[in-house]
Amino acid sequence: MSLTLENDVMFKAVFDRENEECKAALIDMLNLILERKEDPIQSVIYKNPFNVREIDAQKEGILDIKAETNRDELLDIEMQFTEDEEIVERNLYYHCGMVMQGLATGEKYGKLKKTSAYRF
């Protein structure tokens, strides 16, 4: 097993722990890679990475990192160092689950949170 940031365990150890150093590392990485100079991410709140099924026939998904920014953006951050034949479909399914969770019962559709998925 390789101990680089391409390894899911190492990626999560560096960027997905509930402490200020990990949050700062995640924010810095996102602002750098996404070139968010004009509108930088200033804070993140880690969210439950499980897209839990609501009915038995539904498939669950587990995101590497799920976070919400200071601007109410929901982020799905995935470390993908290997390709598989269903990567596009799986990523779309994960993203759809996040979109569904971005609106509470009774809220107007205009309140839907911006969601973004990033694959590194």
N, C-alpha and C. Protein backbone atom coordinates (compact mmCIF):
# COMPACT_ATOMS: atom_id res chain seq x y z
N MET A 1 0.85 -1.19 0.00
CA MET A 1 0.00 0.00 0.00
C MET A 1 0.89 1.25 0.00
N SER A 2 0.57 2.15 -0.89
CA SER A 2 1.32 3.39 -1.02
C SER A 2 0.81 4.45 -0.04
N LEU A 3 1.72 5.10 0.65
CA LEU A 3 1.32 6.12 1.63
C LEU A 3 1.51 7.52 1.04
N THR A 4 0.75 7.80 -0.01
CA THR A 4 0.73 9.12 -0.62
C THR A 4 -0.68 9.66 -0.51
N LEU A 5 -0.88 10.90 -0.91
CA LEU A 5 -2.22 11.48 -0.86
C LEU A 5 -3.17 10.84 -1.86
N GLU A 6 -2.66 10.00 -2.76
CA GLU A 6 -3.52 9.27 -3.68
C GLU A 6 -4.19 8.09 -3.00
N ASN A 7 -3.76 7.77 -1.81
CA ASN A 7 -4.36 6.69 -1.02
C ASN A 7 -5.52 7.28 -0.21
N ASP A 8 -6.69 6.66 -0.29
CA ASP A 8 -7.89 7.18 0.39
C ASP A 8 -7.66 7.42 1.88
N VAL A 9 -6.99 6.48 2.54
CA VAL A 9 -6.76 6.61 3.98
C VAL A 9 -5.88 7.82 4.28
N MET A 10 -4.82 8.01 3.52
CA MET A 10 -3.94 9.16 3.74
C MET A 10 -4.65 10.47 3.37
N PHE A 11 -5.40 10.45 2.27
CA PHE A 11 -6.13 11.63 1.84
C PHE A 11 -7.08 12.10 2.95
N LYS A 12 -7.81 11.16 3.52
CA LYS A 12 -8.74 11.50 4.60
C LYS A 12 -8.01 11.91 5.88
N ALA A 13 -6.87 11.29 6.15
CA ALA A 13 -6.09 11.65 7.35
C ALA A 13 -5.60 13.09 7.29
N VAL A 14 -5.27 13.55 6.10
CA VAL A 14 -4.76 14.92 5.94
C VAL A 14 -5.88 15.95 5.84
N PHE A 15 -6.96 15.61 5.12
CA PHE A 15 -7.98 16.61 4.80
C PHE A 15 -9.33 16.43 5.48
N ASP A 16 -9.58 15.32 6.16
CA ASP A 16 -10.94 15.04 6.63
C ASP A 16 -11.02 14.74 8.12
N ARG A 17 -10.24 15.39 8.89
CA ARG A 17 -10.34 15.23 10.34
C ARG A 17 -10.89 16.51 10.93
N GLU A 18 -11.68 16.35 11.97
CA GLU A 18 -12.36 17.49 12.60
C GLU A 18 -11.38 18.25 13.50
N ASN A 19 -10.39 18.88 12.88
CA ASN A 19 -9.49 19.77 13.61
C ASN A 19 -9.10 20.92 12.69
N GLU A 20 -8.60 21.98 13.27
CA GLU A 20 -8.34 23.21 12.49
C GLU A 20 -7.25 23.01 11.44
N GLU A 21 -6.24 22.18 11.73
CA GLU A 21 -5.16 21.97 10.77
C GLU A 21 -5.68 21.28 9.50
N CYS A 22 -6.50 20.27 9.66
CA CYS A 22 -7.06 19.56 8.50
C CYS A 22 -8.00 20.47 7.71
N LYS A 23 -8.84 21.22 8.42
CA LYS A 23 -9.73 22.15 7.73
C LYS A 23 -8.94 23.19 6.94
N ALA A 24 -7.88 23.72 7.55
CA ALA A 24 -7.04 24.71 6.87
C ALA A 24 -6.37 24.10 5.64
N ALA A 25 -5.90 22.85 5.76
CA ALA A 25 -5.28 22.19 4.62
C ALA A 25 -6.29 21.98 3.49
N LEU A 26 -7.50 21.57 3.83
CA LEU A 26 -8.54 21.37 2.82
C LEU A 26 -8.90 22.69 2.14
N ILE A 27 -9.10 23.72 2.93
CA ILE A 27 -9.44 25.04 2.38
C ILE A 27 -8.33 25.55 1.47
N ASP A 28 -7.09 25.44 1.90
CA ASP A 28 -5.96 25.89 1.09
C ASP A 28 -5.86 25.11 -0.22
N MET A 29 -6.04 23.77 -0.14
CA MET A 29 -5.97 22.94 -1.34
C MET A 29 -7.08 23.34 -2.33
N LEU A 30 -8.31 23.47 -1.83
CA LEU A 30 -9.42 23.82 -2.72
C LEU A 30 -9.24 25.20 -3.34
N ASN A 31 -8.85 26.18 -2.54
CA ASN A 31 -8.64 27.53 -3.08
C ASN A 31 -7.54 27.56 -4.12
N LEU A 32 -6.48 26.78 -3.91
CA LEU A 32 -5.37 26.73 -4.85
C LEU A 32 -5.78 26.04 -6.15
N ILE A 33 -6.32 24.84 -6.04
CA ILE A 33 -6.66 24.06 -7.23
C ILE A 33 -7.82 24.69 -8.00
N LEU A 34 -8.78 25.23 -7.30
CA LEU A 34 -9.96 25.82 -7.95
C LEU A 34 -9.75 27.29 -8.32
N GLU A 35 -8.56 27.81 -8.01
CA GLU A 35 -8.21 29.20 -8.31
C GLU A 35 -9.26 30.16 -7.76
N ARG A 36 -9.58 30.01 -6.50
CA ARG A 36 -10.60 30.83 -5.85
C ARG A 36 -9.97 32.06 -5.20
N LYS A 37 -9.24 32.85 -5.97
CA LYS A 37 -8.59 34.05 -5.45
C LYS A 37 -9.60 35.16 -5.18
N GLU A 38 -10.55 35.33 -6.09
CA GLU A 38 -11.53 36.41 -5.96
C GLU A 38 -12.63 36.08 -4.95
N ASP A 39 -12.93 34.80 -4.80
CA ASP A 39 -14.01 34.36 -3.93
C ASP A 39 -13.55 33.13 -3.14
N PRO A 40 -12.56 33.30 -2.26
CA PRO A 40 -11.98 32.13 -1.59
C PRO A 40 -12.93 31.48 -0.59
N ILE A 41 -12.77 30.18 -0.48
CA ILE A 41 -13.46 29.45 0.58
C ILE A 41 -12.78 29.85 1.88
N GLN A 42 -13.57 30.25 2.87
CA GLN A 42 -12.99 30.71 4.13
C GLN A 42 -13.18 29.72 5.27
N SER A 43 -14.21 28.89 5.18
CA SER A 43 -14.42 27.89 6.23
C SER A 43 -15.21 26.72 5.65
N VAL A 44 -15.06 25.57 6.29
CA VAL A 44 -15.81 24.38 5.90
C VAL A 44 -16.37 23.71 7.15
N ILE A 45 -17.49 23.07 6.94
CA ILE A 45 -18.09 22.23 7.98
C ILE A 45 -18.18 20.84 7.36
N TYR A 46 -17.57 19.86 8.00
CA TYR A 46 -17.66 18.50 7.50
C TYR A 46 -19.08 17.97 7.68
N LYS A 47 -19.56 17.28 6.67
CA LYS A 47 -20.90 16.70 6.69
C LYS A 47 -20.79 15.18 6.67
N ASN A 48 -21.87 14.53 7.05
CA ASN A 48 -21.91 13.08 7.01
C ASN A 48 -21.69 12.62 5.56
N PRO A 49 -20.65 11.81 5.29
CA PRO A 49 -20.34 11.42 3.92
C PRO A 49 -21.25 10.34 3.34
N PHE A 50 -22.19 9.83 4.14
CA PHE A 50 -23.07 8.76 3.67
C PHE A 50 -24.30 9.34 3.00
N ASN A 51 -24.55 8.92 1.77
CA ASN A 51 -25.82 9.20 1.11
C ASN A 51 -26.69 7.99 1.42
N VAL A 52 -27.46 8.10 2.48
CA VAL A 52 -28.23 6.98 3.01
C VAL A 52 -29.48 6.77 2.18
N ARG A 53 -29.78 5.52 1.89
CA ARG A 53 -30.98 5.21 1.11
C ARG A 53 -32.22 5.47 1.94
N GLU A 54 -33.25 5.91 1.27
CA GLU A 54 -34.52 6.19 1.94
C GLU A 54 -35.51 5.05 1.75
N ILE A 55 -35.28 4.21 0.74
CA ILE A 55 -36.09 3.01 0.54
C ILE A 55 -35.13 1.85 0.28
N ASP A 56 -35.59 0.63 0.54
CA ASP A 56 -34.73 -0.54 0.42
C ASP A 56 -34.14 -0.72 -0.97
N ALA A 57 -34.86 -0.32 -1.99
CA ALA A 57 -34.39 -0.52 -3.36
C ALA A 57 -33.30 0.46 -3.78
N GLN A 58 -33.06 1.47 -2.98
CA GLN A 58 -32.08 2.50 -3.30
C GLN A 58 -30.67 2.05 -2.92
N LYS A 59 -29.69 2.52 -3.64
CA LYS A 59 -28.28 2.21 -3.36
C LYS A 59 -27.69 3.33 -2.50
N GLU A 60 -26.88 2.96 -1.52
CA GLU A 60 -26.19 3.95 -0.70
C GLU A 60 -24.86 4.34 -1.36
N GLY A 61 -24.35 5.47 -0.97
CA GLY A 61 -23.05 5.92 -1.44
C GLY A 61 -22.27 6.52 -0.29
N ILE A 62 -20.95 6.39 -0.35
CA ILE A 62 -20.08 6.96 0.68
C ILE A 62 -19.07 7.86 -0.02
N LEU A 63 -19.14 9.14 0.27
CA LEU A 63 -18.22 10.11 -0.33
C LEU A 63 -16.92 10.13 0.47
N ASP A 64 -15.82 10.48 -0.20
CA ASP A 64 -14.56 10.61 0.53
C ASP A 64 -14.67 11.75 1.55
N ILE A 65 -15.00 12.93 1.05
CA ILE A 65 -15.19 14.10 1.93
C ILE A 65 -16.42 14.85 1.46
N LYS A 66 -17.30 15.11 2.39
CA LYS A 66 -18.48 15.92 2.11
C LYS A 66 -18.41 17.11 3.06
N ALA A 67 -18.47 18.31 2.50
CA ALA A 67 -18.32 19.50 3.32
C ALA A 67 -19.23 20.61 2.80
N GLU A 68 -19.50 21.55 3.69
CA GLU A 68 -20.27 22.73 3.33
C GLU A 68 -19.39 23.94 3.59
N THR A 69 -19.37 24.88 2.64
CA THR A 69 -18.52 26.06 2.79
C THR A 69 -19.27 27.20 3.49
N ASN A 70 -18.55 28.24 3.77
CA ASN A 70 -19.13 29.45 4.38
C ASN A 70 -20.17 30.11 3.47
N ARG A 71 -20.21 29.73 2.20
CA ARG A 71 -21.19 30.28 1.25
C ARG A 71 -22.31 29.30 0.97
N ASP A 72 -22.51 28.32 1.87
CA ASP A 72 -23.57 27.31 1.74
C ASP A 72 -23.44 26.43 0.51
N GLU A 73 -22.23 26.25 0.01
CA GLU A 73 -21.99 25.32 -1.10
C GLU A 73 -21.73 23.94 -0.50
N LEU A 74 -22.35 22.92 -1.06
CA LEU A 74 -22.08 21.54 -0.67
C LEU A 74 -21.02 20.98 -1.62
N LEU A 75 -19.97 20.39 -1.05
CA LEU A 75 -18.87 19.87 -1.85
C LEU A 75 -18.72 18.37 -1.65
N ASP A 76 -18.51 17.67 -2.74
CA ASP A 76 -18.13 16.26 -2.74
C ASP A 76 -16.71 16.22 -3.26
N ILE A 77 -15.78 15.84 -2.40
CA ILE A 77 -14.36 15.83 -2.77
C ILE A 77 -13.89 14.38 -2.76
N GLU A 78 -13.47 13.90 -3.91
CA GLU A 78 -13.09 12.50 -4.07
C GLU A 78 -11.66 12.37 -4.55
N MET A 79 -10.92 11.44 -3.95
CA MET A 79 -9.60 11.09 -4.44
C MET A 79 -9.77 9.84 -5.31
N GLN A 80 -9.52 9.98 -6.59
CA GLN A 80 -9.67 8.88 -7.54
C GLN A 80 -8.33 8.64 -8.23
N PHE A 81 -7.57 7.68 -7.76
CA PHE A 81 -6.29 7.43 -8.41
C PHE A 81 -6.35 6.21 -9.33
N THR A 82 -7.48 5.53 -9.34
CA THR A 82 -7.67 4.44 -10.29
C THR A 82 -8.97 4.69 -11.04
N GLU A 83 -8.99 4.27 -12.26
CA GLU A 83 -10.20 4.39 -13.08
C GLU A 83 -10.94 3.07 -13.02
N ASP A 84 -12.26 3.15 -13.00
CA ASP A 84 -13.04 1.94 -13.15
C ASP A 84 -14.09 2.20 -14.23
N GLU A 85 -14.71 1.15 -14.69
CA GLU A 85 -15.61 1.29 -15.83
C GLU A 85 -16.89 2.05 -15.51
N GLU A 86 -17.21 2.23 -14.23
CA GLU A 86 -18.45 2.92 -13.86
C GLU A 86 -18.18 4.25 -13.14
N ILE A 87 -17.01 4.81 -13.28
CA ILE A 87 -16.64 6.02 -12.52
C ILE A 87 -17.58 7.19 -12.81
N VAL A 88 -17.93 7.40 -14.07
CA VAL A 88 -18.79 8.53 -14.44
C VAL A 88 -20.17 8.34 -13.82
N GLU A 89 -20.73 7.15 -13.96
CA GLU A 89 -22.06 6.88 -13.42
C GLU A 89 -22.07 6.97 -11.89
N ARG A 90 -21.03 6.43 -11.24
CA ARG A 90 -20.95 6.47 -9.78
C ARG A 90 -20.85 7.91 -9.29
N ASN A 91 -20.02 8.72 -9.94
CA ASN A 91 -19.87 10.12 -9.55
C ASN A 91 -21.18 10.88 -9.74
N LEU A 92 -21.88 10.61 -10.82
CA LEU A 92 -23.17 11.25 -11.06
C LEU A 92 -24.18 10.86 -9.98
N TYR A 93 -24.20 9.58 -9.62
CA TYR A 93 -25.11 9.11 -8.58
C TYR A 93 -24.81 9.78 -7.24
N TYR A 94 -23.53 9.86 -6.87
CA TYR A 94 -23.14 10.54 -5.63
C TYR A 94 -23.59 12.00 -5.65
N HIS A 95 -23.36 12.65 -6.79
CA HIS A 95 -23.70 14.07 -6.88
C HIS A 95 -25.21 14.28 -6.78
N CYS A 96 -25.97 13.42 -7.41
CA CYS A 96 -27.43 13.54 -7.32
C CYS A 96 -27.91 13.39 -5.88
N GLY A 97 -27.29 12.48 -5.14
CA GLY A 97 -27.64 12.32 -3.73
C GLY A 97 -27.37 13.59 -2.94
N MET A 98 -26.27 14.26 -3.25
CA MET A 98 -25.96 15.51 -2.57
C MET A 98 -26.96 16.61 -2.92
N VAL A 99 -27.35 16.68 -4.18
CA VAL A 99 -28.33 17.68 -4.61
C VAL A 99 -29.64 17.46 -3.85
N MET A 100 -30.06 16.21 -3.74
CA MET A 100 -31.31 15.90 -3.03
C MET A 100 -31.25 16.32 -1.57
N GLN A 101 -30.07 16.24 -0.95
CA GLN A 101 -29.93 16.60 0.45
C GLN A 101 -29.77 18.11 0.65
N GLY A 102 -29.66 18.86 -0.43
CA GLY A 102 -29.46 20.30 -0.34
C GLY A 102 -30.72 21.12 -0.18
N LEU A 103 -31.85 20.45 -0.04
CA LEU A 103 -33.12 21.15 0.09
C LEU A 103 -33.96 20.42 1.14
N ALA A 104 -34.41 21.14 2.13
CA ALA A 104 -35.21 20.54 3.21
C ALA A 104 -36.68 20.51 2.81
N THR A 105 -37.42 19.63 3.44
CA THR A 105 -38.85 19.53 3.21
C THR A 105 -39.52 20.88 3.42
N GLY A 106 -40.33 21.28 2.46
CA GLY A 106 -41.06 22.53 2.56
C GLY A 106 -40.32 23.74 2.01
N GLU A 107 -39.03 23.62 1.73
CA GLU A 107 -38.27 24.75 1.19
C GLU A 107 -38.57 24.95 -0.29
N LYS A 108 -38.54 26.19 -0.72
CA LYS A 108 -38.74 26.53 -2.13
C LYS A 108 -37.50 26.09 -2.92
N TYR A 109 -37.71 25.72 -4.17
CA TYR A 109 -36.60 25.27 -5.00
C TYR A 109 -35.51 26.32 -5.16
N GLY A 110 -35.87 27.58 -5.04
CA GLY A 110 -34.89 28.66 -5.12
C GLY A 110 -33.88 28.62 -3.99
N LYS A 111 -34.16 27.87 -2.95
CA LYS A 111 -33.25 27.74 -1.80
C LYS A 111 -32.26 26.58 -1.97
N LEU A 112 -32.36 25.87 -3.09
CA LEU A 112 -31.49 24.74 -3.34
C LEU A 112 -30.03 25.18 -3.26
N LYS A 113 -29.22 24.44 -2.49
CA LYS A 113 -27.82 24.80 -2.32
C LYS A 113 -27.02 24.44 -3.56
N LYS A 114 -26.03 25.26 -3.84
CA LYS A 114 -25.10 24.95 -4.92
C LYS A 114 -24.31 23.72 -4.50
N THR A 115 -24.18 22.77 -5.40
CA THR A 115 -23.38 21.58 -5.11
C THR A 115 -22.29 21.44 -6.18
N SER A 116 -21.13 20.99 -5.75
CA SER A 116 -20.02 20.77 -6.66
C SER A 116 -19.32 19.48 -6.29
N ALA A 117 -18.87 18.78 -7.30
CA ALA A 117 -18.12 17.54 -7.09
C ALA A 117 -16.74 17.72 -7.70
N TYR A 118 -15.72 17.38 -6.92
CA TYR A 118 -14.34 17.51 -7.39
C TYR A 118 -13.64 16.18 -7.27
N ARG A 119 -12.96 15.77 -8.32
CA ARG A 119 -12.21 14.52 -8.37
C ARG A 119 -10.74 14.86 -8.55
N PHE A 120 -9.94 14.37 -7.65
CA PHE A 120 -8.49 14.61 -7.73
C PHE A 120 -7.77 13.28 -7.93
